[in-house]
Amino acid sequence: MDPLLDLRLPYRDFFTRREALELGETDRSLSTALRAGRLVRLRHGVYAFAERLVGLQDEERHLLLARAAVAQQRGAVALAGPTAALQHGFAVFGHDLQVVHLARLDGGSARRETGIVHHRIGAAVSDGITSRNGLLTVSPEDAVWQVALLSSLEGGVVTADSALHQLPALVGPLARVVGRSPFHPHSRTARLALRLARREAESPGESLTRMACYRHGIPAPTLQHKVHDEVGRLLGVSDLYWEGCRLLGEFDGRIKYERLRKEGETATDVVTREKTREDGMRSTGRGMSRFIWSEVQPGSTARRMAKLRQELEQSRRLYVRVAS
């Protein structure tokens, strides 16, 4: 029997070269399995069966990389920054998911190596270390703050929005961590990201759309606006809404439709149901503007924001008069 089959344990997502050699494999047999596509090298000296990576999202694969990186450390470490944010279930944006972020708990120095960034942390952060899914991790609030320090404004807002949406009680802890790292070169941007964060945002796409508006001086929309008919019946909830112009905004993306899909529904069922919902909301005398992922990427938003200005003005002309 192939000794590597013994490594197919339900709780193991990866194995090391040393473990393989102990079971009778050789460097040559590992290389052969890699060339055949049976194995994937996660990092130097760590492998996974290719079949176990099928269907993994980038974020899931990153957390697998993180487990492999932690397993190779000689000293104590905790997940940090974007890696910790993902471990807590928060969204991240604009980070290289081939790179794992670790906090040194053993007094080790801050440094970079292939695929890993090691961070030194202070006593306040160390005191908040927690265990999540079997790995030591900085606290949720420290993860958000670290991401904000390492990110663009958009990246900081995406993670902070996601964290507050899932854990509204983080408002207080986040207000306390902003006093840390006052001399960090990105502390001003990080503080702004936390000030702009909104727990109502339900996806990174909504966060990026809002930040595009911020960058272009367009009024911030209300999030998750409920639309009722004349008898008070709820017709739907719009991702974005500009009250002064009676313009609804919807972000179209994979995450949204996966979230809306009910058990037994096809993608066509979801689209049909969404179309009915949107038609109902528009029937109340409101305009509708749609956004897609490529239009709200930082640095590529000028055309879409110019169009949004036109849509706001058109909706104001058509519907504000009718509603008055």
Protein backbone atom coordinates (compact mmCIF):
# COMPACT_ATOMS: atom_id res chain seq x y z
CA MET A 1 0.00 0.00 0.00
CA ASP A 2 1.16 3.49 -0.79
CA PRO A 3 2.46 4.85 2.53
CA LEU A 4 1.03 8.31 1.73
CA LEU A 5 -2.46 6.84 2.00
CA ASP A 6 -1.86 6.57 5.73
CA LEU A 7 -1.70 10.35 5.80
CA ARG A 8 -5.26 10.69 4.51
CA LEU A 9 -6.59 11.38 7.99
CA PRO A 10 -9.84 13.36 8.32
CA TYR A 11 -8.20 15.95 10.56
CA ARG A 12 -5.11 16.46 8.40
CA ASP A 13 -5.20 18.89 5.51
CA PHE A 14 -1.44 18.77 4.84
CA PHE A 15 1.68 16.83 5.72
CA THR A 16 5.38 17.54 5.94
CA ARG A 17 8.29 16.08 4.03
CA ARG A 18 9.58 14.52 7.25
CA GLU A 19 6.27 12.75 7.87
CA ALA A 20 6.28 11.39 4.32
CA LEU A 21 9.84 10.13 4.61
CA GLU A 22 9.03 8.43 7.91
CA LEU A 23 6.28 6.50 6.12
CA GLY A 24 8.65 5.23 3.49
CA GLU A 25 8.37 7.86 0.79
CA THR A 26 11.42 9.43 -0.85
CA ASP A 27 12.14 12.85 -2.29
CA ARG A 28 11.96 11.24 -5.71
CA SER A 29 8.48 9.79 -5.11
CA LEU A 30 7.27 13.15 -3.78
CA SER A 31 8.61 14.89 -6.89
CA THR A 32 6.90 12.32 -9.08
CA ALA A 33 3.58 12.90 -7.27
CA LEU A 34 3.99 16.66 -7.68
CA ARG A 35 4.61 16.35 -11.43
CA ALA A 36 1.63 14.03 -11.76
CA GLY A 37 -0.61 16.59 -10.09
CA ARG A 38 -1.43 14.30 -7.18
CA LEU A 39 0.29 16.55 -4.66
CA VAL A 40 0.54 20.33 -4.29
CA ARG A 41 3.43 22.03 -2.49
CA LEU A 42 1.90 24.52 -0.05
CA ARG A 43 5.28 25.85 0.98
CA HIS A 44 8.80 24.45 1.28
CA GLY A 45 8.59 21.05 2.91
CA VAL A 46 4.78 21.00 3.23
CA TYR A 47 2.39 19.22 0.86
CA ALA A 48 -1.32 18.63 0.40
CA PHE A 49 -3.25 16.19 -1.73
CA ALA A 50 -4.48 18.07 -4.80
CA GLU A 51 -7.96 16.61 -4.45
CA ARG A 52 -8.35 18.30 -1.08
CA LEU A 53 -7.82 21.73 -2.62
CA VAL A 54 -10.51 21.35 -5.27
CA GLY A 55 -13.29 23.86 -4.69
CA LEU A 56 -11.45 25.84 -2.02
CA GLN A 57 -11.93 29.60 -2.18
CA ASP A 58 -8.80 31.75 -2.05
CA GLU A 59 -9.54 32.62 1.58
CA GLU A 60 -9.86 28.96 2.55
CA ARG A 61 -6.62 28.11 0.82
CA HIS A 62 -4.92 30.95 2.67
CA LEU A 63 -6.01 29.54 6.01
CA LEU A 64 -4.64 26.16 4.98
CA LEU A 65 -1.34 27.88 4.20
CA ALA A 66 -1.51 29.48 7.62
CA ARG A 67 -1.86 26.11 9.34
CA ALA A 68 1.10 24.81 7.41
CA ALA A 69 3.19 27.87 8.31
CA VAL A 70 2.33 27.62 12.01
CA ALA A 71 3.21 23.91 12.03
CA GLN A 72 6.73 24.75 10.84
CA GLN A 73 7.47 27.38 13.48
CA ARG A 74 9.89 26.54 16.26
CA GLY A 75 8.67 29.26 18.60
CA ALA A 76 5.18 30.28 19.70
CA VAL A 77 3.20 32.33 17.18
CA ALA A 78 -0.35 33.58 16.63
CA LEU A 79 -2.14 34.51 13.45
CA ALA A 80 -2.05 38.25 12.81
CA GLY A 81 -3.27 40.90 10.38
CA PRO A 82 -5.17 39.69 7.30
CA THR A 83 -4.60 36.05 8.27
CA ALA A 84 -6.18 36.62 11.69
CA ALA A 85 -9.04 38.55 10.11
CA LEU A 86 -9.83 35.61 7.83
CA GLN A 87 -9.57 33.21 10.75
CA HIS A 88 -12.20 35.31 12.56
CA GLY A 89 -14.39 35.12 9.45
CA PHE A 90 -13.91 38.72 8.29
CA ALA A 91 -13.49 39.78 4.68
CA VAL A 92 -10.17 41.16 3.42
CA PHE A 93 -9.37 43.09 0.27
CA GLY A 94 -6.16 43.94 -1.53
CA HIS A 95 -3.85 41.52 0.29
CA ASP A 96 -1.62 38.83 -1.17
CA LEU A 97 -3.23 35.62 0.04
CA GLN A 98 -0.06 33.70 -0.72
CA VAL A 99 1.51 35.46 2.27
CA VAL A 100 0.70 34.45 5.86
CA HIS A 101 0.95 36.98 8.72
CA LEU A 102 2.15 35.72 12.11
CA ALA A 103 2.65 37.48 15.45
CA ARG A 104 5.72 36.37 17.37
CA LEU A 105 4.87 35.34 20.92
CA ASP A 106 8.39 34.15 21.67
CA GLY A 107 10.14 37.50 21.44
CA GLY A 108 11.27 36.80 17.89
CA SER A 109 12.06 39.69 15.59
CA ALA A 110 9.85 41.19 12.91
CA ARG A 111 10.99 39.91 9.53
CA ARG A 112 9.90 38.61 6.17
CA GLU A 113 10.61 35.27 4.60
CA THR A 114 9.13 33.51 1.62
CA GLY A 115 5.38 33.35 2.17
CA ILE A 116 5.41 34.68 5.76
CA VAL A 117 5.52 38.09 7.44
CA HIS A 118 6.49 37.93 11.12
CA HIS A 119 5.22 40.77 13.33
CA ARG A 120 6.34 41.85 16.79
CA ILE A 121 3.44 42.78 19.05
CA GLY A 122 3.09 44.71 22.27
CA ALA A 123 1.83 43.53 25.64
CA ALA A 124 -1.69 44.86 25.04
CA VAL A 125 -2.04 42.75 21.89
CA SER A 126 -0.50 39.70 23.58
CA ASP A 127 -3.05 39.92 26.38
CA GLY A 128 -5.86 39.59 23.83
CA ILE A 129 -4.56 36.45 22.14
CA THR A 130 -7.33 33.90 21.75
CA SER A 131 -7.75 30.44 20.22
CA ARG A 132 -9.96 30.00 17.20
CA ASN A 133 -10.39 26.76 15.30
CA GLY A 134 -7.36 25.33 17.02
CA LEU A 135 -4.93 28.18 16.27
CA LEU A 136 -3.77 31.07 18.43
CA THR A 137 -5.01 34.32 16.93
CA VAL A 138 -4.93 37.99 17.86
CA SER A 139 -8.27 39.34 19.08
CA PRO A 140 -10.92 40.41 16.55
CA GLU A 141 -10.34 44.09 17.26
CA ASP A 142 -6.56 43.76 16.94
CA ALA A 143 -6.98 41.85 13.68
CA VAL A 144 -9.12 44.68 12.25
CA TRP A 145 -6.70 47.36 13.43
CA GLN A 146 -3.67 45.50 12.06
CA VAL A 147 -5.40 45.07 8.70
CA ALA A 148 -6.21 48.78 8.63
CA LEU A 149 -2.53 49.60 9.26
CA LEU A 150 -1.44 47.28 6.46
CA SER A 151 -4.11 48.26 3.93
CA SER A 152 -5.31 50.96 1.65
CA LEU A 153 -8.28 52.93 2.94
CA GLU A 154 -10.56 50.63 0.95
CA GLY A 155 -8.97 47.50 2.38
CA GLY A 156 -9.30 48.79 5.93
CA VAL A 157 -12.96 49.67 5.44
CA VAL A 158 -13.81 46.29 3.85
CA THR A 159 -12.46 44.41 6.87
CA ALA A 160 -13.87 46.81 9.45
CA ASP A 161 -17.32 46.73 7.79
CA SER A 162 -17.25 42.94 7.75
CA ALA A 163 -16.18 42.70 11.38
CA LEU A 164 -18.83 45.14 12.62
CA HIS A 165 -21.52 43.43 10.55
CA GLN A 166 -20.76 40.13 12.23
CA LEU A 167 -19.85 41.47 15.67
CA PRO A 168 -21.60 44.81 16.33
CA ALA A 169 -20.23 44.75 19.89
CA LEU A 170 -16.75 45.43 18.43
CA VAL A 171 -17.58 49.14 18.27
CA GLY A 172 -16.24 49.70 21.77
CA PRO A 173 -13.07 47.59 21.47
CA LEU A 174 -12.25 49.16 18.09
CA ALA A 175 -12.59 52.63 19.59
CA ARG A 176 -9.95 51.64 22.13
CA VAL A 177 -7.38 50.11 19.78
CA VAL A 178 -7.14 53.20 17.55
CA GLY A 179 -4.88 54.76 20.18
CA ARG A 180 -2.24 52.14 19.49
CA SER A 181 0.61 52.65 17.02
CA PRO A 182 0.26 56.46 16.97
CA PHE A 183 3.54 56.83 15.05
CA HIS A 184 2.87 54.11 12.51
CA PRO A 185 3.14 55.66 9.01
CA HIS A 186 -0.34 54.42 8.11
CA SER A 187 -2.08 55.16 11.42
CA ARG A 188 -3.98 58.17 10.02
CA THR A 189 -5.43 56.13 7.16
CA ALA A 190 -6.22 53.29 9.57
CA ARG A 191 -8.11 55.60 11.93
CA LEU A 192 -10.07 57.04 9.00
CA ALA A 193 -10.98 53.53 7.84
CA LEU A 194 -12.45 52.72 11.24
CA ARG A 195 -14.37 56.01 11.32
CA LEU A 196 -15.89 55.27 7.92
CA ALA A 197 -16.81 51.67 8.76
CA ARG A 198 -20.50 50.75 8.86
CA ARG A 199 -21.91 47.55 10.26
CA GLU A 200 -24.82 47.63 7.77
CA ALA A 201 -22.53 46.79 4.81
CA GLU A 202 -23.15 43.17 3.85
CA SER A 203 -20.38 42.56 1.30
CA PRO A 204 -17.00 43.90 0.17
CA GLY A 205 -18.70 45.14 -3.00
CA GLU A 206 -21.00 47.39 -0.99
CA SER A 207 -18.02 48.67 1.00
CA LEU A 208 -16.03 49.46 -2.15
CA THR A 209 -19.01 51.20 -3.76
CA ARG A 210 -19.35 53.40 -0.70
CA MET A 211 -15.63 54.19 -0.73
CA ALA A 212 -15.78 55.08 -4.42
CA CYS A 213 -18.49 57.60 -3.54
CA TYR A 214 -16.31 58.94 -0.73
CA ARG A 215 -13.31 59.35 -3.04
CA HIS A 216 -15.39 61.23 -5.63
CA GLY A 217 -17.28 63.48 -3.22
CA ILE A 218 -20.65 61.83 -3.79
CA PRO A 219 -22.95 61.81 -0.74
CA ALA A 220 -22.77 58.62 1.29
CA PRO A 221 -25.77 56.35 0.71
CA THR A 222 -27.94 54.83 3.38
CA LEU A 223 -27.28 51.09 3.64
CA GLN A 224 -29.88 48.31 3.69
CA HIS A 225 -32.80 50.68 3.07
CA LYS A 226 -36.23 49.12 3.52
CA VAL A 227 -38.82 49.95 0.87
CA HIS A 228 -42.53 49.61 1.67
CA ASP A 229 -45.65 49.99 -0.47
CA GLU A 230 -48.54 52.37 0.28
CA VAL A 231 -50.03 49.99 2.86
CA GLY A 232 -46.76 49.40 4.67
CA ARG A 233 -45.92 46.01 3.15
CA LEU A 234 -42.19 45.41 2.82
CA LEU A 235 -41.26 45.17 -0.85
CA GLY A 236 -37.54 44.73 -0.42
CA VAL A 237 -34.30 45.99 1.07
CA SER A 238 -31.93 47.92 -1.17
CA ASP A 239 -28.16 47.70 -0.68
CA LEU A 240 -27.77 51.47 -1.09
CA TYR A 241 -30.13 54.43 -1.12
CA TRP A 242 -29.75 58.14 -1.79
CA GLU A 243 -32.80 59.64 -0.11
CA GLY A 244 -32.44 63.13 -1.56
CA CYS A 245 -32.65 61.77 -5.10
CA ARG A 246 -34.84 58.73 -4.41
CA LEU A 247 -32.23 56.50 -6.05
CA LEU A 248 -31.84 52.86 -5.01
CA GLY A 249 -28.49 51.11 -5.52
CA GLU A 250 -27.84 47.40 -5.89
CA PHE A 251 -24.48 45.68 -5.96
CA ASP A 252 -24.37 42.57 -8.14
CA GLY A 253 -21.81 39.97 -7.13
CA ARG A 254 -21.20 36.29 -6.50
CA ILE A 255 -21.25 36.69 -2.71
CA LYS A 256 -24.64 38.37 -2.78
CA TYR A 257 -26.31 35.75 -4.95
CA GLU A 258 -24.80 32.90 -2.96
CA ARG A 259 -26.22 34.48 0.18
CA LEU A 260 -29.67 34.93 -1.36
CA ARG A 261 -29.90 31.45 -2.83
CA LYS A 262 -32.33 29.27 -0.86
CA GLU A 263 -32.17 25.52 -0.53
CA GLY A 264 -33.36 23.87 -3.73
CA GLU A 265 -33.19 27.05 -5.79
CA THR A 266 -31.31 27.39 -9.05
CA ALA A 267 -29.37 30.49 -10.04
CA THR A 268 -32.21 31.34 -12.43
CA ASP A 269 -34.69 31.17 -9.54
CA VAL A 270 -32.62 33.68 -7.58
CA VAL A 271 -32.34 36.09 -10.51
CA THR A 272 -36.09 35.89 -11.17
CA ARG A 273 -36.92 36.50 -7.52
CA GLU A 274 -34.50 39.42 -7.38
CA LYS A 275 -36.03 40.94 -10.53
CA THR A 276 -39.49 40.78 -8.97
CA ARG A 277 -38.18 42.40 -5.79
CA GLU A 278 -36.48 45.22 -7.67
CA ASP A 279 -39.51 45.88 -9.88
CA GLY A 280 -41.60 46.20 -6.72
CA MET A 281 -39.19 48.72 -5.19
CA ARG A 282 -39.01 50.79 -8.37
CA SER A 283 -42.81 50.87 -8.58
CA THR A 284 -42.83 53.16 -5.52
CA GLY A 285 -41.40 56.03 -7.59
CA ARG A 286 -37.67 55.44 -7.21
CA GLY A 287 -34.77 55.06 -9.61
CA MET A 288 -32.40 52.10 -9.61
CA SER A 289 -28.64 52.04 -10.13
CA ARG A 290 -26.59 48.85 -10.38
CA PHE A 291 -22.91 48.28 -9.61
CA ILE A 292 -20.55 45.42 -10.45
CA TRP A 293 -17.17 44.41 -9.03
CA SER A 294 -14.98 45.72 -11.84
CA GLU A 295 -16.54 49.20 -11.64
CA VAL A 296 -15.66 49.82 -7.99
CA GLN A 297 -12.04 48.69 -7.92
CA PRO A 298 -9.79 51.44 -6.50
CA GLY A 299 -8.25 53.43 -9.32
CA SER A 300 -10.92 52.38 -11.81
CA THR A 301 -14.01 54.13 -10.48
CA ALA A 302 -14.02 57.49 -12.28
CA ARG A 303 -16.27 56.44 -15.17
CA ARG A 304 -18.80 54.68 -12.95
CA MET A 305 -18.94 57.55 -10.48
CA ALA A 306 -19.51 60.04 -13.30
CA LYS A 307 -22.39 57.89 -14.45
CA LEU A 308 -23.71 57.70 -10.88
CA ARG A 309 -23.82 61.50 -10.73
CA GLN A 310 -25.97 61.47 -13.86
CA GLU A 311 -28.22 58.76 -12.42
CA LEU A 312 -28.66 60.71 -9.19
CA GLU A 313 -29.65 63.83 -11.09
CA GLN A 314 -31.99 61.93 -13.41
CA SER A 315 -33.67 60.17 -10.48
CA ARG A 316 -34.05 63.49 -8.66
CA ARG A 317 -35.73 65.05 -11.70
CA LEU A 318 -38.03 62.12 -12.31
CA TYR A 319 -39.06 61.07 -8.83
CA VAL A 320 -38.53 63.77 -6.22
CA ARG A 321 -41.19 65.90 -7.91
CA VAL A 322 -43.60 62.94 -8.04
CA ALA A 323 -43.08 62.12 -4.38
CA SER A 324 -43.59 65.69 -3.16
